[in-house]
Each structure stands twice: as C-alpha cells, then as structure tokens.
Protein backbone atom coordinates (compact mmCIF):
# COMPACT_ATOMS: atom_id res chain seq x y z
CA MET A 1 74.10 107.47 142.17
CA LYS A 2 77.72 106.45 143.66
CA SER A 3 80.71 108.01 142.43
CA PHE A 4 83.86 106.10 141.39
CA ASN A 5 87.77 106.72 141.62
CA ILE A 6 88.41 106.92 138.21
CA PRO A 7 92.18 107.69 137.41
CA GLY A 8 92.28 110.94 136.43
CA PHE A 9 94.01 110.61 132.94
CA TYR A 10 90.36 109.06 131.60
CA LYS A 11 88.62 112.52 132.60
CA SER A 12 88.16 115.35 130.16
CA SER A 13 88.10 118.89 131.31
CA ILE A 14 86.29 120.18 128.24
CA ILE A 15 83.67 116.92 128.47
CA SER A 16 83.21 117.21 132.08
CA LYS A 17 82.04 120.56 131.68
CA ILE A 18 79.53 119.75 129.20
CA LYS A 19 78.11 116.80 131.40
CA GLU A 20 78.26 118.77 134.39
CA LEU A 21 76.09 121.70 132.57
CA ARG A 22 73.49 119.18 131.31
CA ARG A 23 73.23 117.72 134.53
CA ASP A 24 72.27 121.04 135.94
CA THR A 25 69.77 122.05 133.01
CA ASP A 26 68.10 118.58 132.60
CA PRO A 27 68.64 116.73 136.01
CA ARG A 28 65.61 114.21 135.25
CA LYS A 29 67.58 113.71 131.58
CA LYS A 30 64.60 114.05 129.38
CA ASP A 31 66.26 116.19 127.22
CA TYR A 32 68.35 114.15 124.91
CA SER A 33 69.08 116.94 122.29
CA PRO A 34 72.99 117.21 121.50
CA THR A 35 75.13 119.61 122.74
CA LEU A 36 76.59 122.36 120.12
CA LEU A 37 80.25 122.95 120.49
CA ASP A 38 81.05 125.82 118.16
CA PHE A 39 84.47 126.68 117.31
CA GLY A 40 83.50 128.74 114.13
CA PRO A 41 84.74 127.12 111.09
CA VAL A 42 84.15 123.56 112.69
CA LYS A 43 81.03 122.96 114.58
CA PHE A 44 80.55 119.52 117.37
CA HIS A 45 76.95 118.21 117.81
CA VAL A 46 77.83 115.94 120.79
CA ALA A 47 75.54 113.46 122.10
CA ARG A 48 73.52 114.14 125.43
CA HIS A 49 74.84 110.78 126.75
CA PHE A 50 77.95 109.08 126.05
CA GLY A 51 81.35 107.68 127.55
CA PHE A 52 81.93 105.68 130.69
CA CYS A 53 78.98 104.08 132.15
CA TYR A 54 78.31 103.11 136.14
CA GLY A 55 79.37 99.51 135.45
CA VAL A 56 82.40 100.45 133.31
CA GLU A 57 83.62 103.01 136.16
CA ASN A 58 82.69 100.46 138.49
CA ALA A 59 85.21 97.83 136.68
CA ILE A 60 87.97 100.52 136.69
CA GLU A 61 88.07 101.22 139.98
CA ILE A 62 88.11 97.70 141.32
CA SER A 63 90.84 96.79 138.79
CA PHE A 64 93.15 99.42 139.67
CA LYS A 65 92.29 98.84 143.39
CA ALA A 66 93.35 95.27 142.72
CA VAL A 67 96.86 96.44 141.29
CA GLU A 68 97.34 99.16 143.91
CA GLU A 69 96.32 96.69 146.94
CA ASN A 70 98.72 93.74 145.17
CA PRO A 71 102.09 95.16 144.24
CA ASP A 72 103.92 91.81 145.08
CA LYS A 73 101.46 89.68 143.53
CA LYS A 74 100.88 88.42 139.68
CA ILE A 75 97.46 89.84 138.68
CA PHE A 76 95.33 88.44 135.58
CA LEU A 77 92.18 89.75 134.06
CA LEU A 78 90.27 86.83 132.91
CA SER A 79 89.89 88.57 129.55
CA GLN A 80 89.73 92.18 128.38
CA MET A 81 88.38 94.21 131.65
CA ILE A 82 86.16 96.20 128.91
CA HIS A 83 86.41 96.57 125.42
CA ASN A 84 88.38 99.60 125.25
CA PRO A 85 91.98 98.99 123.94
CA GLU A 86 93.43 102.01 126.01
CA VAL A 87 91.93 100.89 129.10
CA ASN A 88 93.23 97.43 129.09
CA LYS A 89 96.75 98.82 127.73
CA ASP A 90 97.00 100.80 130.97
CA LEU A 91 96.28 97.40 132.78
CA LEU A 92 98.57 95.54 131.14
CA ASP A 93 101.41 98.33 131.42
CA ARG A 94 100.94 97.95 134.94
CA GLY A 95 101.86 94.27 134.74
CA VAL A 96 98.36 92.65 134.37
CA LYS A 97 98.27 89.61 132.21
CA PHE A 98 95.12 88.15 130.11
CA LEU A 99 94.15 84.73 131.22
CA MET A 100 91.91 84.39 127.88
CA ASP A 101 90.74 86.19 124.84
CA THR A 102 87.52 87.79 124.18
CA SER A 103 86.56 84.51 122.53
CA GLY A 104 87.12 82.29 125.44
CA LYS A 105 90.36 81.08 124.17
CA GLN A 106 92.96 80.00 126.78
CA ILE A 107 96.16 82.40 126.62
CA ILE A 108 97.55 81.29 130.01
CA PRO A 109 96.73 77.84 131.63
CA PHE A 110 94.88 77.71 134.59
CA ALA A 111 97.16 75.23 135.85
CA GLU A 112 99.94 78.04 135.96
CA LEU A 113 97.79 79.67 138.70
CA THR A 114 98.38 79.42 142.31
CA LYS A 115 95.79 80.26 145.11
CA GLU A 116 98.16 83.27 145.64
CA ASP A 117 97.37 84.97 142.47
CA ILE A 118 95.05 87.49 141.69
CA VAL A 119 92.24 87.11 139.20
CA VAL A 120 90.20 89.90 138.05
CA ILE A 121 86.84 89.25 136.68
CA PRO A 122 85.70 91.26 133.64
CA ALA A 123 82.80 93.47 133.76
CA PHE A 124 81.02 91.12 131.38
CA GLY A 125 81.21 88.73 134.00
CA THR A 126 81.85 84.66 133.54
CA THR A 127 80.53 81.48 133.27
CA LEU A 128 79.89 79.36 136.37
CA ALA A 129 82.39 76.60 135.03
CA ILE A 130 85.11 78.99 135.02
CA GLU A 131 84.47 80.06 138.40
CA GLU A 132 84.52 76.91 139.68
CA GLN A 133 87.98 76.15 137.80
CA LEU A 134 89.36 79.27 139.67
CA GLN A 135 87.73 78.41 142.96
CA LYS A 136 89.16 75.00 142.79
CA ILE A 137 92.85 76.51 142.49
CA GLY A 138 91.70 78.33 145.86
CA ILE A 139 91.54 82.00 144.06
CA ALA A 140 88.92 84.11 145.75
CA VAL A 141 87.03 84.99 142.69
CA HIS A 142 84.62 87.27 144.25
CA LYS A 143 87.40 89.67 145.54
CA TYR A 144 88.14 91.62 142.68
CA ASP A 145 84.92 90.75 140.62
CA THR A 146 83.71 93.81 138.19
CA THR A 147 80.73 92.11 136.95
CA CYS A 148 78.04 95.08 135.92
CA PRO A 149 75.28 95.44 138.28
CA PHE A 150 73.03 95.46 135.63
CA VAL A 151 74.40 92.36 133.87
CA GLU A 152 74.24 90.58 137.21
CA ARG A 153 70.12 92.18 137.03
CA VAL A 154 69.60 89.96 134.12
CA TRP A 155 71.06 86.99 135.43
CA THR A 156 68.50 87.50 138.50
CA LYS A 157 65.97 88.04 135.80
CA ALA A 158 66.78 84.65 134.28
CA GLU A 159 66.48 82.41 137.48
CA LYS A 160 63.27 83.87 138.40
CA LEU A 161 62.14 83.02 134.87
CA GLY A 162 63.50 79.51 135.49
CA GLU A 163 61.79 79.24 138.85
CA GLU A 164 58.44 80.15 137.07
CA GLY A 165 59.12 77.35 134.67
CA TYR A 166 59.68 79.51 131.58
CA THR A 167 62.64 79.20 129.12
CA VAL A 168 64.82 81.94 128.43
CA ILE A 169 65.56 83.32 125.11
CA ILE A 170 68.84 85.25 125.16
CA HIS A 171 68.77 88.10 122.74
CA GLY A 172 72.86 88.51 122.31
CA LYS A 173 75.83 87.39 120.24
CA HIS A 174 76.68 83.77 121.19
CA ASN A 175 80.30 84.06 121.52
CA HIS A 176 80.25 87.67 123.45
CA GLU A 177 81.84 87.20 126.84
CA GLU A 178 78.73 88.50 128.69
CA THR A 179 76.37 86.40 126.67
CA ARG A 180 78.03 83.19 127.57
CA ALA A 181 78.03 84.12 131.10
CA THR A 182 74.61 84.97 130.78
CA PHE A 183 73.60 81.62 129.38
CA SER A 184 75.74 79.48 131.92
CA ARG A 185 73.43 81.09 134.62
CA SER A 186 70.12 80.48 132.46
CA GLU A 187 70.70 77.05 131.91
CA ILE A 188 70.83 75.73 135.60
CA HIS A 189 67.67 76.91 136.01
CA SER A 190 65.91 76.55 132.93
CA PRO A 191 66.29 75.68 128.74
CA ALA A 192 67.95 78.49 127.37
CA ILE A 193 68.40 79.66 123.73
CA ILE A 194 70.47 82.21 122.13
CA ILE A 195 69.12 84.81 119.07
CA LYS A 196 71.27 87.32 117.45
CA ASN A 197 68.69 89.25 115.81
CA MET A 198 65.27 89.66 114.65
CA GLN A 199 65.54 87.82 111.75
CA GLU A 200 66.82 84.79 113.79
CA ALA A 201 63.64 85.87 116.32
CA GLU A 202 61.32 85.21 113.39
CA LYS A 203 63.20 82.06 112.26
CA LEU A 204 62.66 80.66 115.98
CA GLY A 205 58.91 82.02 115.59
CA ALA A 206 58.40 79.94 112.73
CA PHE A 207 59.30 76.67 114.33
CA ILE A 208 56.89 77.65 116.99
CA LYS A 209 54.05 78.57 115.20
CA GLY A 210 54.80 75.06 113.10
CA GLN A 211 55.62 76.86 110.15
CA SER A 212 59.28 75.36 110.01
CA SER A 213 60.70 71.88 110.39
CA ARG A 214 62.83 70.46 112.96
CA SER A 215 65.45 69.82 110.53
CA GLU A 216 65.32 73.97 109.87
CA TYR A 217 65.82 74.91 113.29
CA ASP A 218 68.75 72.54 114.35
CA ASN A 219 70.66 73.84 111.38
CA LEU A 220 70.48 77.42 113.06
CA PHE A 221 69.82 76.86 116.73
CA PHE A 222 71.23 73.39 117.86
CA GLU A 223 74.64 74.76 119.04
CA ARG A 224 73.02 77.92 121.05
CA THR A 225 70.88 75.84 123.30
CA SER A 226 71.33 74.40 126.68
CA SER A 227 71.65 70.49 126.82
CA GLY A 228 68.85 68.31 126.36
CA PHE A 229 66.69 71.00 125.13
CA ASN A 230 63.25 70.11 123.66
CA PRO A 231 62.03 72.85 121.32
CA LYS A 232 58.46 71.86 120.76
CA LYS A 233 58.19 71.15 124.59
CA ASP A 234 60.63 74.00 125.85
CA LEU A 235 59.19 76.77 123.49
CA GLU A 236 55.65 76.50 124.85
CA ARG A 237 56.73 78.94 127.96
CA ILE A 238 58.92 81.94 127.08
CA GLY A 239 60.57 85.23 128.06
CA VAL A 240 63.36 87.10 126.81
CA ILE A 241 66.45 88.39 128.42
CA ASN A 242 69.28 90.44 126.63
CA GLN A 243 72.89 91.07 126.56
CA THR A 244 73.04 94.55 128.06
CA THR A 245 74.99 96.01 125.14
CA MET A 246 72.62 95.21 122.45
CA LEU A 247 70.20 97.63 120.59
CA ALA A 248 67.55 98.28 123.14
CA SER A 249 64.97 99.02 120.78
CA GLU A 250 65.81 95.65 118.84
CA THR A 251 65.30 93.45 122.17
CA GLN A 252 62.06 95.25 122.63
CA GLU A 253 61.06 94.47 119.04
CA ILE A 254 61.83 90.91 119.62
CA SER A 255 60.30 90.75 123.14
CA ASP A 256 56.98 92.14 121.40
CA TYR A 257 57.32 89.70 118.38
CA PHE A 258 57.42 86.94 120.47
CA ARG A 259 54.29 88.05 122.47
CA SER A 260 52.55 88.14 119.23
CA VAL A 261 53.67 85.12 118.59
CA MET A 262 52.09 83.29 121.67
CA GLN A 263 49.23 85.43 121.64
CA LYS A 264 48.00 84.08 118.20
CA LYS A 265 49.03 80.50 119.07
CA TYR A 266 47.49 80.34 122.71
CA GLY A 267 45.23 83.25 122.82
CA SER A 268 44.96 86.59 124.48
CA GLU A 269 43.48 84.92 127.97
CA LYS A 270 46.01 82.42 128.28
CA LEU A 271 49.14 85.02 127.44
CA LYS A 272 50.60 84.91 130.66
CA ASN A 273 50.91 81.20 131.03
CA HIS A 274 53.32 81.18 127.80
CA PHE A 275 55.15 84.55 127.67
CA ALA A 276 57.01 86.64 130.64
CA ASP A 277 57.19 90.46 130.90
CA THR A 278 61.01 90.88 130.83
CA ARG A 279 61.43 94.91 130.00
CA ASP A 280 63.08 95.48 133.16
CA THR A 281 66.22 93.79 131.82
CA LEU A 282 67.41 96.80 129.39
CA CYS A 283 70.16 98.73 130.67
CA TYR A 284 69.60 102.28 131.11
CA ALA A 285 73.07 103.18 130.12
CA THR A 286 72.64 101.58 126.84
CA ASN A 287 69.47 102.92 126.13
CA GLU A 288 70.35 106.55 127.22
CA ASN A 289 73.39 106.51 124.77
CA GLN A 290 70.97 104.76 122.00
CA GLN A 291 68.29 107.49 122.24
CA ALA A 292 70.90 109.90 122.37
CA THR A 293 72.06 108.70 119.06
CA ILE A 294 68.45 108.78 118.04
CA ALA A 295 68.49 112.54 118.51
CA LEU A 296 71.37 113.59 116.91
CA LEU A 297 69.59 111.83 113.43
CA HIS A 298 67.33 115.18 113.49
CA HIS A 299 70.17 117.25 113.10
CA GLN A 300 72.19 118.16 110.21
CA ALA A 301 75.77 117.47 109.69
CA ASP A 302 78.66 116.43 107.44
CA PHE A 303 79.69 112.95 108.94
CA ALA A 304 79.50 111.60 112.27
CA ILE A 305 82.81 110.32 114.03
CA VAL A 306 82.10 107.25 116.68
CA VAL A 307 84.83 106.53 119.12
CA GLY A 308 85.62 103.53 121.02
CA GLY A 309 86.82 99.78 120.62
CA TYR A 310 86.43 97.91 117.58
CA ASN A 311 85.30 94.55 119.81
CA SER A 312 82.63 96.92 121.52
CA SER A 313 78.94 96.07 121.05
CA ASN A 314 77.50 98.82 122.33
CA THR A 315 79.82 101.03 120.04
CA SER A 316 78.93 99.24 117.16
CA HIS A 317 75.31 99.82 117.54
CA ILE A 318 76.01 103.34 117.75
CA VAL A 319 77.62 103.18 114.65
CA GLU A 320 74.48 101.61 113.36
CA LEU A 321 72.40 104.29 114.31
CA CYS A 322 74.60 107.19 113.08
CA GLU A 323 75.14 105.24 109.40
CA GLN A 324 71.01 105.73 109.13
CA LYS A 325 71.75 109.25 108.01
CA PHE A 326 75.49 110.25 108.17
CA PRO A 327 78.70 109.23 106.37
CA THR A 328 80.29 107.54 109.99
CA TYR A 329 83.67 106.80 111.11
CA PHE A 330 84.09 104.40 113.60
CA ILE A 331 87.63 105.20 115.11
CA SER A 332 89.36 104.12 118.38
CA SER A 333 91.20 107.18 119.23
CA GLU A 334 92.62 110.21 117.79
CA SER A 335 95.48 108.51 116.08
CA GLU A 336 93.28 107.19 113.26
CA ILE A 337 92.68 110.81 112.27
CA ILE A 338 96.03 110.83 110.16
CA SER A 339 95.74 114.20 108.48
CA LYS A 340 92.65 117.15 107.37
CA THR A 341 92.36 114.88 104.16
CA LYS A 342 92.96 111.65 105.69
CA ILE A 343 91.31 109.29 108.17
CA ASN A 344 91.63 105.84 109.07
CA HIS A 345 88.21 103.85 110.49
CA PHE A 346 86.88 100.29 111.06
CA ASP A 347 84.17 98.73 109.11
CA PHE A 348 82.84 96.54 111.60
CA HIS A 349 80.26 94.93 109.22
CA ASN A 350 82.81 93.58 107.35
CA GLN A 351 85.38 93.53 110.02
CA THR A 352 88.14 95.50 108.33
CA HIS A 353 90.06 98.78 108.21
CA ARG A 354 89.49 101.52 106.06
CA THR A 355 90.93 104.74 105.14
CA THR A 356 89.11 107.52 103.30
CA GLY A 357 90.40 110.72 102.06
CA ASN A 358 88.82 114.15 101.76
CA TYR A 359 86.35 113.37 104.60
CA LEU A 360 86.60 117.12 106.07
CA SER A 361 84.00 119.62 104.45
CA SER A 362 85.54 122.14 101.65
CA GLY A 363 82.73 124.47 102.53
CA ASN A 364 83.09 127.37 104.97
CA GLU A 365 81.46 125.77 107.93
CA THR A 366 81.83 122.05 109.14
CA ASN A 367 79.46 120.39 111.19
CA ILE A 368 80.45 117.02 112.91
CA ILE A 369 78.26 114.39 115.12
CA LEU A 370 80.61 113.67 117.93
CA THR A 371 79.98 110.63 120.41
CA SER A 372 81.40 107.28 122.12
CA GLY A 373 80.64 103.90 123.60
CA ALA A 374 80.18 103.58 126.96
CA SER A 375 83.55 101.87 127.33
CA CYS A 376 85.66 104.88 125.99
CA PRO A 377 87.22 107.46 128.01
CA ASP A 378 86.07 110.95 128.00
CA ALA A 379 90.08 112.35 127.07
CA VAL A 380 89.86 110.29 124.22
CA VAL A 381 86.83 112.10 123.00
CA GLU A 382 88.56 115.48 123.97
CA ARG A 383 91.93 114.32 121.81
CA VAL A 384 89.52 113.34 119.07
CA MET A 385 87.91 116.59 118.96
CA MET A 386 90.94 119.00 119.50
CA LYS A 387 92.92 117.56 116.60
CA ILE A 388 89.77 118.11 114.40
CA VAL A 389 90.18 121.40 115.59
CA SER A 390 93.65 121.86 115.01
CA PHE A 391 93.27 121.96 111.24
CA PHE A 392 91.34 124.98 111.05
CA GLU A 393 92.41 128.25 111.10
CA LYS A 394 90.91 131.13 113.16
CA THR A 395 88.96 129.15 115.54
CA LYS A 396 87.31 130.22 118.74
CA SER A 397 89.05 129.88 122.00
CA LEU A 398 87.89 126.88 124.48
CA GLU A 399 86.81 129.74 126.75
CA GLU A 400 84.77 130.99 123.90
CA VAL A 401 82.97 127.81 123.11
CA LEU A 402 82.26 126.59 126.67
CA THR A 403 80.95 129.87 127.82
CA ALA A 404 78.66 130.04 124.75
CA ILE A 405 76.90 126.51 125.42
C-alpha cells in the first residue's frame, strides 16, 4: 500500500513500534487481538487497528502540500478536512480558512473568492453543485482534492446501480458531508434515498411490503429523497451503499434486511431483478477498526478510552461498541484527563460534555482499553497513554514495556 508524507508531529515512536511489530507478526491481518502494554500497576490493551487510515493520510499529505506550494496565495478548506480538532487547527494555524462548517453553512461567501485562490476539498468529498460553483469562479477544484478513494469507490458503485436501473439506498447520516456528497452523485444517475439506521430501514421496508401508508413514508423520508422520487415505483429495484464511516455490521444488516424484503415480495427466482449485491462498498479501514474493537470486548478491563474528534462518525461507532461492555470515556486529547481522579469526556448520544470522578481503579492493578478513531493522530494516543501512566508510581520503563511485547 502507498506510503504518505505525514508531518512528524502526528507520529508516535511508541505506537509506530507497536504497529510495526504487529505487521511483522501478522502481515495478513488475521489476528484482531489487542496488544498488551504492561507498565506494572497500569496495563493498556491497545486495539489491533486504530488511527490514521489510508484516506486520512492521503488528505493530510495533499493539504500540507497545498500550504507548502502556495505561500503567497489565499488557501481555503471547503469545510473541516477531517473530523479531528488537532489536524484542523494545525491547518488553520498555517493560515488556511474554512469556507463552510460541517453542516454546509457558509462561513465565507464564494463571492469573495477569486480564480487565484486555492480551495482544498475535504476527505469526505463534496457535492456536484459546490464543485460547479467553484469551477465557475475559475478555481481548479481537483488540484487539491483530498476525497478518500474509498468514498469515490462508493460513488462509482452508485453510478453503476443507476445505469442498471436500481434505486440507491444510502445508509448514512443525511447531514454528514460524505453522505451529502454521495447523495448528490447518486441522484444524477438514479432515484436516491437516505436512511440512518436499522430502525429506519424497517420503516422503509414496511412501506415496500405495503404495511404502512404514503403519509407515514413522507413524514420520515420526504426530505431525504431525490427530486421526483416515487416510492411506489422507485422502490421496486434497490441497492444499498453506505457512508464509509458507519458501522459496517449495521450496513450489512440493513442490506440483508432489504434482500429478505425483496425476496419475500418478488420470490427467490426474481430477486436479482429487484435487489443488487453491493457488499464491496464497505471501507476496509472502518471494518478493520470495528473488528479490532469487537475483539477488545473479549478482554477484561476497568474501562475504555476512545480518542478522537467529537464530530467523527467512525469514532462514535467505536465508542458505541466499547460501551457494550465497558464504562467508556470519549476524549479528544490528553487535555481532557484532568487528574488521577477527574476526566472530562463527551457523551455523543446526548451531545453533551461530562465530567467523571474517580475513574481510575483504586486496586493494585488498573486495566484500560485504549483505541482511537481513523482521523486521530498516533501522537495524541501516545500523550493520552503517558499522561495516565504518570499518575502511577513504580511503573516499568518504556524500554521494558516495548521489549515485552
């Protein structure tokens, strides 16, 4: 796989050592068990896969290249390049400005741009309408386009589905940048509709099966469909694609559900005429990180720490998985760890910040699950780990810990 030129301050000598050892011992990535870092009184069970994925490293390389190659030009990010506060701040500190927020609300009007300006497209991609606006100004939108190749693969699948006469069902968050971009590309080839989760899939399935009314359908889906969408006609042939950072298992569950709905309605012999196999739209990195998190659930620990941006979809799903077994603290950096008895963390279910006391075990040994989202620098994970280690006495040296792996 291609290697990228990533700034050294995002790297971690500790995490790099761990990942290198795991690559050497498990080159085919078949072992999802965590790595144990035993500092003595505190032990970390570090996920097999976490941190920067291919798409994020690609985006970082292109974004910093844009800054380096254009010292005398105004440089803009269409919106957050990735959903990580440290990476976005690093770019802002270098003079880059946001044109929009993550919901698509304009911060700097496009009317203020000139053809001499540089615009960086984020890793999530953008809508065709926004691309057209920028091109009319004369901006070369694809010169510094950091769109993840795996997102583009989903777009290709959406186009193929449209060419074959299928309606595209997108499993995603309708206000997420990636889903908005995918929807804009889907609707030019076929009817398209966005669903958020399995519950919404079942409500759409009820309409397909004739078990719910048009008004019930409209109340939930009307604003999440392409123009002129006719549910009675357009839901006769369907295929499922996804926002690449959703729970891979849920996308598969949704796809399997719609397959069963169409099979029962049209019969097994005619299934291929009504349902398309789209399993290859699942992002490998999202799947690996989630499988590695599931493997963590087979181990015992006092709690889990998940590090990443609070608006990061893939990170929030890792939190969801950890919460199935452990008290879980979702933090953006080591600055949220206030002391040995106090930690600030984010409750993404209610979108609120919380503070918890006495989170560390008072026993002789503390076991901690540690992982991060795909847009979180390894350096941040290292700082989180070492800050917690600093609260304990008589810990083993890093050399001892890494030698024992």
